[in-house]
Amino acid sequence: MGYAICRPEAGFYAPATLGNSISFIRLAIRRRKKIGLTYTDNTSQKTNRVIWPIFLGYRETSLIIAAWCELRAGFRYFRTERIIEASVLKDNIPNRMDLVPAEWHRATDAERQRYEEGR
C-alpha cells in the first residue's frame, strides 16, 4: 500500500499505489508536517502513530521513512509497505527541522555504540 497526494492545498491525502508514496512523504518532509498513520509491526499488531518524517531511504528491499515517533518517544524506521492508512497533519514538526536530523544522527550513533559494546 502507498499514498497519493490529493490537492495539496486541501491538506488531505488518500490511499493509492505505492509508487505515489514517495511524493506524499516528501511533501510532508518539505513542509515540515507531521504524519498520522496506522502501522502494522512485524507481529501484525496495528498501532496509530504520529511521526515526524526526516528522510526516505532504502533498507535492503524496503522503502523506509526515518522519523521521530511520538508513541515510542524515539527515532524509528517505518517500512512503507506496513502503512495501512496515513495523512499529513496540519501540525508542524515543533523542532527546527535542521536540528531533527542531527538529533537522529546522535541517537543512531549511540545505538550503534551500545551494539558494538555488547549492551
N, C-alpha and C. Protein backbone atom coordinates (compact mmCIF):
# COMPACT_ATOMS: atom_id res chain seq x y z
N MET A 1 0.83 -1.19 0.00
CA MET A 1 0.00 0.00 0.00
C MET A 1 0.87 1.24 0.00
N GLY A 2 0.37 2.31 -0.55
CA GLY A 2 1.07 3.58 -0.54
C GLY A 2 0.06 4.69 -0.50
N TYR A 3 0.50 5.88 -0.80
CA TYR A 3 -0.36 7.04 -0.66
C TYR A 3 -0.12 8.02 -1.79
N ALA A 4 -1.17 8.64 -2.23
CA ALA A 4 -1.07 9.64 -3.28
C ALA A 4 -1.53 10.97 -2.74
N ILE A 5 -1.08 12.00 -3.38
CA ILE A 5 -1.45 13.34 -2.95
C ILE A 5 -2.76 13.73 -3.64
N CYS A 6 -3.72 14.13 -2.85
CA CYS A 6 -4.89 14.81 -3.40
C CYS A 6 -4.53 16.28 -3.34
N ARG A 7 -5.32 17.15 -3.84
CA ARG A 7 -4.98 18.58 -3.88
C ARG A 7 -4.21 19.00 -2.62
N PRO A 8 -2.93 19.36 -2.75
CA PRO A 8 -2.13 19.74 -1.58
C PRO A 8 -2.75 20.86 -0.76
N GLU A 9 -3.40 21.81 -1.40
CA GLU A 9 -3.97 22.91 -0.64
C GLU A 9 -5.13 22.46 0.24
N ALA A 10 -5.70 21.28 -0.06
CA ALA A 10 -6.80 20.76 0.75
C ALA A 10 -6.29 20.14 2.03
N GLY A 11 -5.01 19.76 2.08
CA GLY A 11 -4.44 19.16 3.29
C GLY A 11 -4.91 17.74 3.52
N PHE A 12 -5.40 17.05 2.48
CA PHE A 12 -5.90 15.69 2.64
C PHE A 12 -5.16 14.77 1.69
N TYR A 13 -4.78 13.62 2.15
CA TYR A 13 -4.04 12.66 1.36
C TYR A 13 -4.72 11.31 1.47
N ALA A 14 -5.00 10.67 0.35
CA ALA A 14 -5.78 9.44 0.33
C ALA A 14 -4.93 8.25 -0.10
N PRO A 15 -5.32 7.02 0.31
CA PRO A 15 -4.60 5.82 -0.12
C PRO A 15 -4.59 5.70 -1.65
N ALA A 16 -3.47 5.22 -2.17
CA ALA A 16 -3.36 4.97 -3.61
C ALA A 16 -2.32 3.88 -3.81
N THR A 17 -1.48 3.99 -4.81
CA THR A 17 -0.49 2.96 -5.07
C THR A 17 0.84 3.32 -4.43
N LEU A 18 1.66 2.31 -4.16
CA LEU A 18 2.95 2.53 -3.51
C LEU A 18 3.83 3.49 -4.30
N GLY A 19 3.74 3.46 -5.61
CA GLY A 19 4.57 4.32 -6.44
C GLY A 19 4.39 5.80 -6.13
N ASN A 20 3.24 6.19 -5.64
CA ASN A 20 2.99 7.60 -5.33
C ASN A 20 3.41 7.98 -3.91
N SER A 21 3.78 7.02 -3.08
CA SER A 21 4.05 7.32 -1.68
C SER A 21 5.27 8.21 -1.47
N ILE A 22 6.23 8.14 -2.36
CA ILE A 22 7.41 8.97 -2.20
C ILE A 22 7.03 10.44 -2.26
N SER A 23 6.18 10.81 -3.20
CA SER A 23 5.75 12.20 -3.30
C SER A 23 4.99 12.64 -2.06
N PHE A 24 4.14 11.77 -1.56
CA PHE A 24 3.35 12.03 -0.36
C PHE A 24 4.26 12.33 0.83
N ILE A 25 5.24 11.51 1.01
CA ILE A 25 6.15 11.63 2.16
C ILE A 25 7.09 12.82 1.98
N ARG A 26 7.59 13.00 0.78
CA ARG A 26 8.48 14.13 0.52
C ARG A 26 7.78 15.46 0.75
N LEU A 27 6.52 15.53 0.39
CA LEU A 27 5.76 16.75 0.63
C LEU A 27 5.70 17.06 2.13
N ALA A 28 5.43 16.04 2.93
CA ALA A 28 5.38 16.23 4.39
C ALA A 28 6.74 16.68 4.92
N ILE A 29 7.81 16.09 4.41
CA ILE A 29 9.16 16.47 4.86
C ILE A 29 9.45 17.93 4.47
N ARG A 30 9.18 18.30 3.23
CA ARG A 30 9.45 19.67 2.78
C ARG A 30 8.64 20.70 3.54
N ARG A 31 7.39 20.36 3.85
CA ARG A 31 6.52 21.31 4.55
C ARG A 31 6.63 21.22 6.07
N ARG A 32 7.53 20.35 6.55
CA ARG A 32 7.76 20.16 7.99
C ARG A 32 6.46 19.82 8.72
N LYS A 33 5.70 18.88 8.15
CA LYS A 33 4.42 18.47 8.72
C LYS A 33 4.53 17.08 9.33
N LYS A 34 3.78 16.87 10.38
CA LYS A 34 3.69 15.54 10.98
C LYS A 34 2.81 14.66 10.10
N ILE A 35 3.02 13.36 10.20
CA ILE A 35 2.19 12.39 9.51
C ILE A 35 1.51 11.52 10.55
N GLY A 36 0.20 11.36 10.42
CA GLY A 36 -0.54 10.41 11.25
C GLY A 36 -0.71 9.14 10.45
N LEU A 37 -0.43 7.99 11.06
CA LEU A 37 -0.56 6.75 10.31
C LEU A 37 -1.02 5.59 11.17
N THR A 38 -1.61 4.62 10.51
CA THR A 38 -1.91 3.33 11.11
C THR A 38 -0.87 2.39 10.54
N TYR A 39 -0.15 1.71 11.43
CA TYR A 39 1.02 0.94 11.04
C TYR A 39 0.91 -0.48 11.58
N THR A 40 1.34 -1.45 10.80
CA THR A 40 1.38 -2.84 11.22
C THR A 40 2.83 -3.22 11.49
N ASP A 41 3.13 -3.67 12.70
CA ASP A 41 4.51 -4.05 13.00
C ASP A 41 4.80 -5.48 12.53
N ASN A 42 5.99 -5.99 12.84
CA ASN A 42 6.39 -7.31 12.36
C ASN A 42 5.61 -8.46 12.99
N THR A 43 4.79 -8.19 14.01
CA THR A 43 3.92 -9.22 14.59
C THR A 43 2.47 -9.03 14.18
N SER A 44 2.24 -8.19 13.18
CA SER A 44 0.90 -7.86 12.66
C SER A 44 0.04 -7.07 13.64
N GLN A 45 0.68 -6.47 14.63
CA GLN A 45 -0.03 -5.61 15.59
C GLN A 45 -0.21 -4.23 14.96
N LYS A 46 -1.44 -3.72 14.96
CA LYS A 46 -1.72 -2.40 14.40
C LYS A 46 -1.63 -1.35 15.49
N THR A 47 -0.97 -0.25 15.16
CA THR A 47 -0.90 0.89 16.08
C THR A 47 -1.13 2.17 15.30
N ASN A 48 -1.64 3.16 15.98
CA ASN A 48 -1.78 4.50 15.41
C ASN A 48 -0.59 5.31 15.87
N ARG A 49 0.07 5.95 14.94
CA ARG A 49 1.29 6.69 15.23
C ARG A 49 1.20 8.11 14.68
N VAL A 50 1.92 9.00 15.32
CA VAL A 50 2.19 10.32 14.76
C VAL A 50 3.70 10.38 14.64
N ILE A 51 4.16 10.64 13.42
CA ILE A 51 5.61 10.67 13.20
C ILE A 51 6.04 12.01 12.63
N TRP A 52 7.32 12.31 12.85
CA TRP A 52 7.95 13.50 12.29
C TRP A 52 8.95 13.00 11.25
N PRO A 53 8.56 12.95 9.98
CA PRO A 53 9.44 12.35 8.98
C PRO A 53 10.72 13.17 8.78
N ILE A 54 11.83 12.45 8.69
CA ILE A 54 13.14 13.08 8.49
C ILE A 54 13.62 12.87 7.06
N PHE A 55 13.62 11.60 6.63
CA PHE A 55 14.03 11.32 5.27
C PHE A 55 13.50 9.96 4.82
N LEU A 56 13.56 9.77 3.52
CA LEU A 56 13.21 8.50 2.87
C LEU A 56 14.49 7.79 2.49
N GLY A 57 14.44 6.48 2.51
CA GLY A 57 15.60 5.72 2.08
C GLY A 57 15.21 4.28 1.82
N TYR A 58 16.21 3.50 1.44
CA TYR A 58 16.00 2.08 1.22
C TYR A 58 16.81 1.31 2.23
N ARG A 59 16.22 0.24 2.72
CA ARG A 59 16.90 -0.66 3.65
C ARG A 59 16.65 -2.05 3.12
N GLU A 60 17.71 -2.68 2.64
CA GLU A 60 17.61 -3.97 1.97
C GLU A 60 16.61 -3.85 0.82
N THR A 61 15.42 -4.42 0.96
CA THR A 61 14.44 -4.40 -0.14
C THR A 61 13.25 -3.51 0.15
N SER A 62 13.29 -2.74 1.22
CA SER A 62 12.13 -1.94 1.63
C SER A 62 12.40 -0.44 1.51
N LEU A 63 11.38 0.29 1.12
CA LEU A 63 11.41 1.74 1.19
C LEU A 63 11.03 2.10 2.63
N ILE A 64 11.85 2.93 3.27
CA ILE A 64 11.61 3.26 4.67
C ILE A 64 11.51 4.77 4.87
N ILE A 65 10.84 5.13 5.96
CA ILE A 65 10.79 6.51 6.43
C ILE A 65 11.54 6.52 7.75
N ALA A 66 12.55 7.35 7.86
CA ALA A 66 13.21 7.58 9.14
C ALA A 66 12.45 8.73 9.79
N ALA A 67 12.04 8.54 11.04
CA ALA A 67 11.19 9.54 11.68
C ALA A 67 11.26 9.45 13.20
N TRP A 68 10.89 10.55 13.84
CA TRP A 68 10.65 10.57 15.28
C TRP A 68 9.23 10.04 15.47
N CYS A 69 9.05 9.09 16.37
CA CYS A 69 7.74 8.52 16.65
C CYS A 69 7.25 9.04 17.99
N GLU A 70 6.14 9.75 17.99
CA GLU A 70 5.61 10.29 19.24
C GLU A 70 5.17 9.18 20.20
N LEU A 71 4.60 8.09 19.67
CA LEU A 71 4.14 6.98 20.52
C LEU A 71 5.30 6.35 21.28
N ARG A 72 6.39 6.10 20.60
CA ARG A 72 7.56 5.44 21.20
C ARG A 72 8.58 6.43 21.78
N ALA A 73 8.35 7.71 21.56
CA ALA A 73 9.26 8.76 22.03
C ALA A 73 10.71 8.47 21.64
N GLY A 74 10.87 8.15 20.36
CA GLY A 74 12.20 7.87 19.86
C GLY A 74 12.22 7.81 18.35
N PHE A 75 13.43 7.72 17.80
CA PHE A 75 13.58 7.63 16.36
C PHE A 75 13.33 6.20 15.93
N ARG A 76 12.62 6.04 14.83
CA ARG A 76 12.25 4.73 14.31
C ARG A 76 12.31 4.75 12.79
N TYR A 77 12.35 3.54 12.23
CA TYR A 77 12.24 3.35 10.80
C TYR A 77 10.88 2.72 10.53
N PHE A 78 10.18 3.24 9.53
CA PHE A 78 8.86 2.73 9.16
C PHE A 78 8.91 2.22 7.73
N ARG A 79 8.61 0.95 7.55
CA ARG A 79 8.56 0.35 6.22
C ARG A 79 7.24 0.75 5.56
N THR A 80 7.33 1.32 4.38
CA THR A 80 6.12 1.86 3.74
C THR A 80 5.09 0.78 3.44
N GLU A 81 5.52 -0.45 3.19
CA GLU A 81 4.55 -1.50 2.89
C GLU A 81 3.73 -1.92 4.12
N ARG A 82 4.12 -1.48 5.30
CA ARG A 82 3.37 -1.78 6.52
C ARG A 82 2.41 -0.66 6.93
N ILE A 83 2.39 0.43 6.16
CA ILE A 83 1.47 1.53 6.45
C ILE A 83 0.11 1.19 5.87
N ILE A 84 -0.91 1.20 6.73
CA ILE A 84 -2.28 0.88 6.31
C ILE A 84 -3.01 2.14 5.87
N GLU A 85 -2.91 3.19 6.66
CA GLU A 85 -3.52 4.49 6.36
C GLU A 85 -2.57 5.57 6.80
N ALA A 86 -2.67 6.72 6.15
CA ALA A 86 -1.82 7.85 6.54
C ALA A 86 -2.43 9.15 6.09
N SER A 87 -2.08 10.21 6.80
CA SER A 87 -2.48 11.56 6.39
C SER A 87 -1.44 12.54 6.89
N VAL A 88 -1.22 13.56 6.09
CA VAL A 88 -0.35 14.64 6.52
C VAL A 88 -1.19 15.52 7.43
N LEU A 89 -0.69 15.76 8.63
CA LEU A 89 -1.42 16.54 9.61
C LEU A 89 -1.14 18.03 9.42
N LYS A 90 -2.00 18.84 9.96
CA LYS A 90 -1.79 20.29 9.91
C LYS A 90 -0.70 20.74 10.87
N ASP A 91 -0.38 19.88 11.85
CA ASP A 91 0.64 20.21 12.85
C ASP A 91 2.03 20.23 12.25
N ASN A 92 2.76 21.29 12.53
CA ASN A 92 4.17 21.37 12.12
C ASN A 92 5.02 20.56 13.09
N ILE A 93 6.15 20.12 12.58
CA ILE A 93 7.14 19.49 13.45
C ILE A 93 7.68 20.60 14.35
N PRO A 94 7.64 20.41 15.68
CA PRO A 94 7.97 21.51 16.59
C PRO A 94 9.42 21.95 16.62
N ASN A 95 10.37 21.05 16.43
CA ASN A 95 11.77 21.44 16.46
C ASN A 95 12.15 22.09 15.14
N ARG A 96 13.20 22.88 15.18
CA ARG A 96 13.73 23.40 13.93
C ARG A 96 14.15 22.20 13.08
N MET A 97 13.71 22.16 11.86
CA MET A 97 13.93 20.99 11.01
C MET A 97 15.41 20.65 10.85
N ASP A 98 16.28 21.64 10.85
CA ASP A 98 17.70 21.34 10.69
C ASP A 98 18.28 20.64 11.92
N LEU A 99 17.60 20.73 13.07
CA LEU A 99 18.08 20.06 14.28
C LEU A 99 17.62 18.62 14.38
N VAL A 100 16.48 18.28 13.78
CA VAL A 100 15.93 16.93 13.90
C VAL A 100 16.87 15.88 13.29
N PRO A 101 17.40 16.07 12.06
CA PRO A 101 18.35 15.08 11.55
C PRO A 101 19.60 14.95 12.41
N ALA A 102 20.08 16.05 12.97
CA ALA A 102 21.26 15.98 13.85
C ALA A 102 20.96 15.16 15.09
N GLU A 103 19.76 15.32 15.65
CA GLU A 103 19.36 14.51 16.80
C GLU A 103 19.27 13.04 16.41
N TRP A 104 18.75 12.76 15.22
CA TRP A 104 18.66 11.39 14.72
C TRP A 104 20.05 10.78 14.61
N HIS A 105 21.01 11.53 14.05
CA HIS A 105 22.38 11.02 13.92
C HIS A 105 22.98 10.70 15.29
N ARG A 106 22.78 11.56 16.27
CA ARG A 106 23.29 11.29 17.62
C ARG A 106 22.67 10.03 18.20
N ALA A 107 21.36 9.87 18.02
CA ALA A 107 20.67 8.69 18.55
C ALA A 107 21.15 7.41 17.88
N THR A 108 21.32 7.43 16.56
CA THR A 108 21.77 6.21 15.88
C THR A 108 23.23 5.91 16.20
N ASP A 109 24.06 6.94 16.38
CA ASP A 109 25.45 6.72 16.77
C ASP A 109 25.52 6.08 18.16
N ALA A 110 24.69 6.56 19.09
CA ALA A 110 24.66 5.99 20.44
C ALA A 110 24.16 4.55 20.40
N GLU A 111 23.16 4.28 19.58
CA GLU A 111 22.64 2.91 19.45
C GLU A 111 23.71 1.99 18.87
N ARG A 112 24.42 2.45 17.85
CA ARG A 112 25.48 1.66 17.24
C ARG A 112 26.58 1.37 18.25
N GLN A 113 26.95 2.36 19.06
CA GLN A 113 28.00 2.17 20.06
C GLN A 113 27.57 1.14 21.11
N ARG A 114 26.30 1.22 21.57
CA ARG A 114 25.81 0.21 22.53
C ARG A 114 25.86 -1.19 21.93
N TYR A 115 25.50 -1.30 20.67
CA TYR A 115 25.51 -2.60 19.98
C TYR A 115 26.93 -3.14 19.90
N GLU A 116 27.88 -2.28 19.52
CA GLU A 116 29.27 -2.70 19.38
C GLU A 116 29.89 -3.07 20.71
N GLU A 117 29.43 -2.45 21.79
CA GLU A 117 29.94 -2.76 23.13
C GLU A 117 29.23 -3.96 23.75
N GLY A 118 28.22 -4.48 23.05
CA GLY A 118 27.52 -5.67 23.54
C GLY A 118 26.47 -5.41 24.60
N ARG A 119 25.98 -4.16 24.68
CA ARG A 119 24.93 -3.85 25.67
C ARG A 119 23.57 -4.01 25.08
